[in-house]
All heavy atoms as atom14 arrays in JSON, in Angstrom:
{
  "sequence": "GLVQPGGSLRLSCAASGFTLDYYAVGWFRQ",
  "atom14_mask": [
    [1, 1, 1, 1, 0, 0, 0, 0, 0, 0, 0, 0, 0, 0],
    [1, 1, 1, 1, 1, 1, 1, 1, 0, 0, 0, 0, 0, 0],
    [1, 1, 1, 1, 1, 1, 1, 0, 0, 0, 0, 0, 0, 0],
    [1, 1, 1, 1, 1, 1, 1, 1, 1, 0, 0, 0, 0, 0],
    [1, 1, 1, 1, 1, 1, 1, 0, 0, 0, 0, 0, 0, 0],
    [1, 1, 1, 1, 0, 0, 0, 0, 0, 0, 0, 0, 0, 0],
    [1, 1, 1, 1, 0, 0, 0, 0, 0, 0, 0, 0, 0, 0],
    [1, 1, 1, 1, 1, 1, 0, 0, 0, 0, 0, 0, 0, 0],
    [1, 1, 1, 1, 1, 1, 1, 1, 0, 0, 0, 0, 0, 0],
    [1, 1, 1, 1, 1, 1, 1, 1, 1, 1, 1, 0, 0, 0],
    [1, 1, 1, 1, 1, 1, 1, 1, 0, 0, 0, 0, 0, 0],
    [1, 1, 1, 1, 1, 1, 0, 0, 0, 0, 0, 0, 0, 0],
    [1, 1, 1, 1, 1, 1, 0, 0, 0, 0, 0, 0, 0, 0],
    [1, 1, 1, 1, 1, 0, 0, 0, 0, 0, 0, 0, 0, 0],
    [1, 1, 1, 1, 1, 0, 0, 0, 0, 0, 0, 0, 0, 0],
    [1, 1, 1, 1, 1, 1, 0, 0, 0, 0, 0, 0, 0, 0],
    [1, 1, 1, 1, 0, 0, 0, 0, 0, 0, 0, 0, 0, 0],
    [1, 1, 1, 1, 1, 1, 1, 1, 1, 1, 1, 0, 0, 0],
    [1, 1, 1, 1, 1, 1, 1, 0, 0, 0, 0, 0, 0, 0],
    [1, 1, 1, 1, 1, 1, 1, 1, 0, 0, 0, 0, 0, 0],
    [1, 1, 1, 1, 1, 1, 1, 1, 0, 0, 0, 0, 0, 0],
    [1, 1, 1, 1, 1, 1, 1, 1, 1, 1, 1, 1, 0, 0],
    [1, 1, 1, 1, 1, 1, 1, 1, 1, 1, 1, 1, 0, 0],
    [1, 1, 1, 1, 1, 0, 0, 0, 0, 0, 0, 0, 0, 0],
    [1, 1, 1, 1, 1, 1, 1, 0, 0, 0, 0, 0, 0, 0],
    [1, 1, 1, 1, 0, 0, 0, 0, 0, 0, 0, 0, 0, 0],
    [1, 1, 1, 1, 1, 1, 1, 1, 1, 1, 1, 1, 1, 1],
    [1, 1, 1, 1, 1, 1, 1, 1, 1, 1, 1, 0, 0, 0],
    [1, 1, 1, 1, 1, 1, 1, 1, 1, 1, 1, 0, 0, 0],
    [1, 1, 1, 1, 1, 1, 1, 1, 1, 0, 0, 0, 0, 0]
  ],
  "atom14_positions": [
    [[-55.52, 31.67, 36.18], [-55.94, 30.88, 35.07], [-55.76, 29.42, 35.31], [-55.42, 28.96, 36.39], [0.0, 0.0, 0.0], [0.0, 0.0, 0.0], [0.0, 0.0, 0.0], [0.0, 0.0, 0.0], [0.0, 0.0, 0.0], [0.0, 0.0, 0.0], [0.0, 0.0, 0.0], [0.0, 0.0, 0.0], [0.0, 0.0, 0.0], [0.0, 0.0, 0.0]],
    [[-55.89, 28.65, 34.22], [-55.7, 27.17, 34.28], [-54.29, 26.87, 33.69], [-53.97, 27.37, 32.58], [-56.8, 26.51, 33.4], [-56.62, 25.04, 33.2], [-56.75, 24.26, 34.49], [-57.68, 24.52, 32.17], [0.0, 0.0, 0.0], [0.0, 0.0, 0.0], [0.0, 0.0, 0.0], [0.0, 0.0, 0.0], [0.0, 0.0, 0.0], [0.0, 0.0, 0.0]],
    [[-53.62, 26.07, 34.43], [-52.24, 25.67, 34.0], [-52.0, 24.22, 34.34], [-52.54, 23.7, 35.34], [-51.18, 26.63, 34.68], [-51.2, 26.49, 36.14], [-49.84, 26.47, 34.05], [0.0, 0.0, 0.0], [0.0, 0.0, 0.0], [0.0, 0.0, 0.0], [0.0, 0.0, 0.0], [0.0, 0.0, 0.0], [0.0, 0.0, 0.0], [0.0, 0.0, 0.0]],
    [[-51.14, 23.58, 33.59], [-50.84, 22.18, 33.81], [-49.83, 22.1, 34.96], [-49.0, 23.04, 35.19], [-50.28, 21.54, 32.55], [-51.27, 21.37, 31.49], [-50.72, 20.57, 30.31], [-49.54, 20.44, 30.12], [-51.67, 20.08, 29.49], [0.0, 0.0, 0.0], [0.0, 0.0, 0.0], [0.0, 0.0, 0.0], [0.0, 0.0, 0.0], [0.0, 0.0, 0.0]],
    [[-49.71, 21.02, 35.66], [-48.71, 20.8, 36.64], [-47.35, 21.01, 36.07], [-47.06, 20.59, 34.95], [-48.91, 19.36, 37.11], [-50.39, 19.1, 36.85], [-50.7, 19.86, 35.65], [0.0, 0.0, 0.0], [0.0, 0.0, 0.0], [0.0, 0.0, 0.0], [0.0, 0.0, 0.0], [0.0, 0.0, 0.0], [0.0, 0.0, 0.0], [0.0, 0.0, 0.0]],
    [[-46.46, 21.69, 36.84], [-45.17, 22.02, 36.35], [-45.07, 23.38, 35.64], [-43.99, 23.87, 35.37], [0.0, 0.0, 0.0], [0.0, 0.0, 0.0], [0.0, 0.0, 0.0], [0.0, 0.0, 0.0], [0.0, 0.0, 0.0], [0.0, 0.0, 0.0], [0.0, 0.0, 0.0], [0.0, 0.0, 0.0], [0.0, 0.0, 0.0], [0.0, 0.0, 0.0]],
    [[-46.22, 23.96, 35.36], [-46.3, 25.21, 34.63], [-46.11, 26.45, 35.49], [-45.84, 26.29, 36.7], [0.0, 0.0, 0.0], [0.0, 0.0, 0.0], [0.0, 0.0, 0.0], [0.0, 0.0, 0.0], [0.0, 0.0, 0.0], [0.0, 0.0, 0.0], [0.0, 0.0, 0.0], [0.0, 0.0, 0.0], [0.0, 0.0, 0.0], [0.0, 0.0, 0.0]],
    [[-46.24, 27.6, 34.91], [-45.98, 28.83, 35.59], [-47.08, 29.88, 35.38], [-47.73, 29.81, 34.29], [-44.62, 29.5, 35.08], [-43.56, 28.67, 35.46], [0.0, 0.0, 0.0], [0.0, 0.0, 0.0], [0.0, 0.0, 0.0], [0.0, 0.0, 0.0], [0.0, 0.0, 0.0], [0.0, 0.0, 0.0], [0.0, 0.0, 0.0], [0.0, 0.0, 0.0]],
    [[-47.29, 30.74, 36.29], [-48.18, 31.84, 36.13], [-47.54, 33.05, 36.9], [-46.77, 32.83, 37.89], [-49.55, 31.58, 36.77], [-50.53, 30.73, 35.99], [-51.77, 30.41, 36.86], [-50.92, 31.29, 34.68], [0.0, 0.0, 0.0], [0.0, 0.0, 0.0], [0.0, 0.0, 0.0], [0.0, 0.0, 0.0], [0.0, 0.0, 0.0], [0.0, 0.0, 0.0]],
    [[-47.88, 34.26, 36.46], [-47.48, 35.43, 37.22], [-48.74, 36.22, 37.57], [-49.45, 36.67, 36.64], [-46.47, 36.32, 36.44], [-45.93, 37.46, 37.28], [-44.92, 38.28, 36.6], [-45.54, 39.31, 35.72], [-44.94, 40.46, 35.41], [-43.76, 40.77, 35.88], [-45.56, 41.35, 34.59], [0.0, 0.0, 0.0], [0.0, 0.0, 0.0], [0.0, 0.0, 0.0]],
    [[-48.93, 36.39, 38.85], [-50.02, 37.15, 39.37], [-49.62, 38.62, 39.62], [-48.48, 38.82, 39.97], [-50.6, 36.59, 40.66], [-51.02, 35.13, 40.66], [-51.64, 34.78, 42.02], [-51.98, 34.85, 39.52], [0.0, 0.0, 0.0], [0.0, 0.0, 0.0], [0.0, 0.0, 0.0], [0.0, 0.0, 0.0], [0.0, 0.0, 0.0], [0.0, 0.0, 0.0]],
    [[-50.5, 39.5, 39.35], [-50.29, 40.92, 39.55], [-51.34, 41.48, 40.52], [-52.42, 41.05, 40.52], [-50.37, 41.75, 38.25], [-49.37, 41.31, 37.35], [0.0, 0.0, 0.0], [0.0, 0.0, 0.0], [0.0, 0.0, 0.0], [0.0, 0.0, 0.0], [0.0, 0.0, 0.0], [0.0, 0.0, 0.0], [0.0, 0.0, 0.0], [0.0, 0.0, 0.0]],
    [[-50.89, 42.42, 41.33], [-51.78, 43.07, 42.32], [-51.59, 44.59, 42.11], [-50.5, 45.09, 42.5], [-51.46, 42.67, 43.7], [-52.29, 43.61, 45.04], [0.0, 0.0, 0.0], [0.0, 0.0, 0.0], [0.0, 0.0, 0.0], [0.0, 0.0, 0.0], [0.0, 0.0, 0.0], [0.0, 0.0, 0.0], [0.0, 0.0, 0.0], [0.0, 0.0, 0.0]],
    [[-52.52, 45.25, 41.46], [-52.39, 46.66, 41.14], [-53.21, 47.47, 42.11], [-54.45, 47.19, 42.35], [-52.84, 46.93, 39.76], [0.0, 0.0, 0.0], [0.0, 0.0, 0.0], [0.0, 0.0, 0.0], [0.0, 0.0, 0.0], [0.0, 0.0, 0.0], [0.0, 0.0, 0.0], [0.0, 0.0, 0.0], [0.0, 0.0, 0.0], [0.0, 0.0, 0.0]],
    [[-52.65, 48.55, 42.67], [-53.42, 49.4, 43.58], [-53.83, 50.64, 42.87], [-53.14, 51.2, 41.98], [-52.45, 49.77, 44.77], [0.0, 0.0, 0.0], [0.0, 0.0, 0.0], [0.0, 0.0, 0.0], [0.0, 0.0, 0.0], [0.0, 0.0, 0.0], [0.0, 0.0, 0.0], [0.0, 0.0, 0.0], [0.0, 0.0, 0.0], [0.0, 0.0, 0.0]],
    [[-54.99, 51.09, 43.27], [-55.49, 52.4, 42.73], [-56.11, 53.2, 43.91], [-56.66, 52.58, 44.88], [-56.5, 52.23, 41.62], [-57.67, 51.49, 42.13], [0.0, 0.0, 0.0], [0.0, 0.0, 0.0], [0.0, 0.0, 0.0], [0.0, 0.0, 0.0], [0.0, 0.0, 0.0], [0.0, 0.0, 0.0], [0.0, 0.0, 0.0], [0.0, 0.0, 0.0]],
    [[-55.99, 54.5, 43.85], [-56.56, 55.29, 44.88], [-55.62, 55.56, 46.02], [-55.87, 56.4, 46.89], [0.0, 0.0, 0.0], [0.0, 0.0, 0.0], [0.0, 0.0, 0.0], [0.0, 0.0, 0.0], [0.0, 0.0, 0.0], [0.0, 0.0, 0.0], [0.0, 0.0, 0.0], [0.0, 0.0, 0.0], [0.0, 0.0, 0.0], [0.0, 0.0, 0.0]],
    [[-54.49, 54.87, 46.04], [-53.44, 55.06, 47.08], [-52.12, 54.57, 46.55], [-52.09, 53.73, 45.61], [-53.81, 54.45, 48.41], [-53.83, 52.95, 48.43], [-52.85, 52.17, 49.04], [-54.85, 52.21, 47.77], [-52.88, 50.81, 49.05], [-54.84, 50.85, 47.77], [-53.86, 50.15, 48.4], [0.0, 0.0, 0.0], [0.0, 0.0, 0.0], [0.0, 0.0, 0.0]],
    [[-51.02, 55.01, 47.18], [-49.69, 54.51, 46.77], [-49.29, 53.41, 47.64], [-49.44, 53.43, 48.86], [-48.69, 55.66, 46.75], [-47.4, 55.1, 46.44], [-48.57, 56.31, 48.11], [0.0, 0.0, 0.0], [0.0, 0.0, 0.0], [0.0, 0.0, 0.0], [0.0, 0.0, 0.0], [0.0, 0.0, 0.0], [0.0, 0.0, 0.0], [0.0, 0.0, 0.0]],
    [[-48.66, 52.36, 47.08], [-48.25, 51.21, 47.84], [-46.89, 51.37, 48.57], [-46.51, 50.45, 49.3], [-48.13, 49.97, 46.98], [-49.46, 49.29, 46.57], [-49.13, 48.18, 45.55], [-50.12, 48.73, 47.82], [0.0, 0.0, 0.0], [0.0, 0.0, 0.0], [0.0, 0.0, 0.0], [0.0, 0.0, 0.0], [0.0, 0.0, 0.0], [0.0, 0.0, 0.0]],
    [[-46.27, 52.53, 48.36], [-44.91, 52.71, 48.88], [-44.79, 52.4, 50.38], [-43.77, 51.85, 50.85], [-44.39, 54.12, 48.62], [-44.22, 54.44, 47.15], [-45.03, 53.99, 46.4], [-43.28, 55.06, 46.83], [0.0, 0.0, 0.0], [0.0, 0.0, 0.0], [0.0, 0.0, 0.0], [0.0, 0.0, 0.0], [0.0, 0.0, 0.0], [0.0, 0.0, 0.0]],
    [[-45.8, 52.77, 51.17], [-45.73, 52.65, 52.63], [-46.51, 51.46, 53.08], [-46.87, 51.4, 54.29], [-46.17, 53.95, 53.24], [-45.31, 55.1, 52.94], [-45.75, 56.1, 52.08], [-44.08, 55.2, 53.51], [-44.93, 57.16, 51.74], [-43.15, 56.29, 53.2], [-43.63, 57.24, 52.34], [-42.83, 58.32, 52.03], [0.0, 0.0, 0.0], [0.0, 0.0, 0.0]],
    [[-46.78, 50.53, 52.18], [-47.56, 49.39, 52.54], [-46.8, 48.06, 52.29], [-46.2, 47.93, 51.27], [-48.86, 49.33, 51.69], [-49.91, 50.33, 52.07], [-49.77, 51.65, 51.63], [-51.0, 49.95, 52.85], [-50.75, 52.58, 51.98], [-51.95, 50.87, 53.15], [-51.86, 52.21, 52.79], [-52.76, 53.11, 53.06], [0.0, 0.0, 0.0], [0.0, 0.0, 0.0]],
    [[-46.79, 47.21, 53.26], [-46.47, 45.85, 52.95], [-47.58, 45.17, 52.18], [-48.75, 45.53, 52.4], [-46.14, 45.07, 54.25], [0.0, 0.0, 0.0], [0.0, 0.0, 0.0], [0.0, 0.0, 0.0], [0.0, 0.0, 0.0], [0.0, 0.0, 0.0], [0.0, 0.0, 0.0], [0.0, 0.0, 0.0], [0.0, 0.0, 0.0], [0.0, 0.0, 0.0]],
    [[-47.24, 44.27, 51.37], [-48.32, 43.56, 50.58], [-48.11, 42.08, 50.75], [-47.02, 41.53, 50.74], [-48.18, 43.91, 49.06], [-49.18, 43.01, 48.28], [-48.53, 45.36, 48.86], [0.0, 0.0, 0.0], [0.0, 0.0, 0.0], [0.0, 0.0, 0.0], [0.0, 0.0, 0.0], [0.0, 0.0, 0.0], [0.0, 0.0, 0.0], [0.0, 0.0, 0.0]],
    [[-49.23, 41.38, 50.99], [-49.2, 39.95, 51.19], [-50.1, 39.29, 50.11], [-51.02, 39.85, 49.67], [0.0, 0.0, 0.0], [0.0, 0.0, 0.0], [0.0, 0.0, 0.0], [0.0, 0.0, 0.0], [0.0, 0.0, 0.0], [0.0, 0.0, 0.0], [0.0, 0.0, 0.0], [0.0, 0.0, 0.0], [0.0, 0.0, 0.0], [0.0, 0.0, 0.0]],
    [[-49.67, 38.08, 49.78], [-50.51, 37.21, 48.94], [-51.0, 36.05, 49.78], [-50.26, 35.44, 50.51], [-49.65, 36.6, 47.77], [-49.43, 37.53, 46.67], [-48.3, 38.28, 46.39], [-50.31, 37.88, 45.58], [-48.46, 39.07, 45.25], [-49.72, 38.79, 44.73], [-51.63, 37.42, 45.22], [-50.35, 39.28, 43.59], [-52.25, 37.92, 44.09], [-51.57, 38.82, 43.27]],
    [[-52.29, 35.85, 49.68], [-52.95, 34.76, 50.43], [-53.72, 33.9, 49.41], [-53.98, 34.32, 48.32], [-53.92, 35.38, 51.44], [-53.25, 36.19, 52.49], [-52.83, 37.52, 52.28], [-53.03, 35.65, 53.79], [-52.24, 38.25, 53.23], [-52.43, 36.45, 54.74], [-52.01, 37.73, 54.45], [0.0, 0.0, 0.0], [0.0, 0.0, 0.0], [0.0, 0.0, 0.0]],
    [[-54.09, 32.69, 49.85], [-54.86, 31.85, 48.98], [-55.86, 31.06, 49.83], [-55.63, 30.81, 51.01], [-54.0, 30.9, 48.19], [-53.23, 29.84, 48.95], [-52.27, 29.08, 48.05], [-51.55, 28.02, 48.82], [-50.58, 27.3, 48.3], [-50.23, 27.48, 47.04], [-50.01, 26.39, 49.02], [0.0, 0.0, 0.0], [0.0, 0.0, 0.0], [0.0, 0.0, 0.0]],
    [[-56.94, 30.7, 49.17], [-57.99, 29.88, 49.85], [-58.51, 28.88, 48.88], [-59.08, 29.2, 47.87], [-59.14, 30.85, 50.27], [-60.12, 30.1, 51.19], [-61.04, 31.05, 51.89], [-61.16, 32.26, 51.59], [-61.66, 30.62, 53.01], [0.0, 0.0, 0.0], [0.0, 0.0, 0.0], [0.0, 0.0, 0.0], [0.0, 0.0, 0.0], [0.0, 0.0, 0.0]]
  ]
}
């Protein structure tokens, strides 16, 4: 979303169709 400088956000990454237990997860940005 849109946030002012100094603010906070929490991103979520939800998996479906498989379990994340055996997966490393990375966050990337562009």
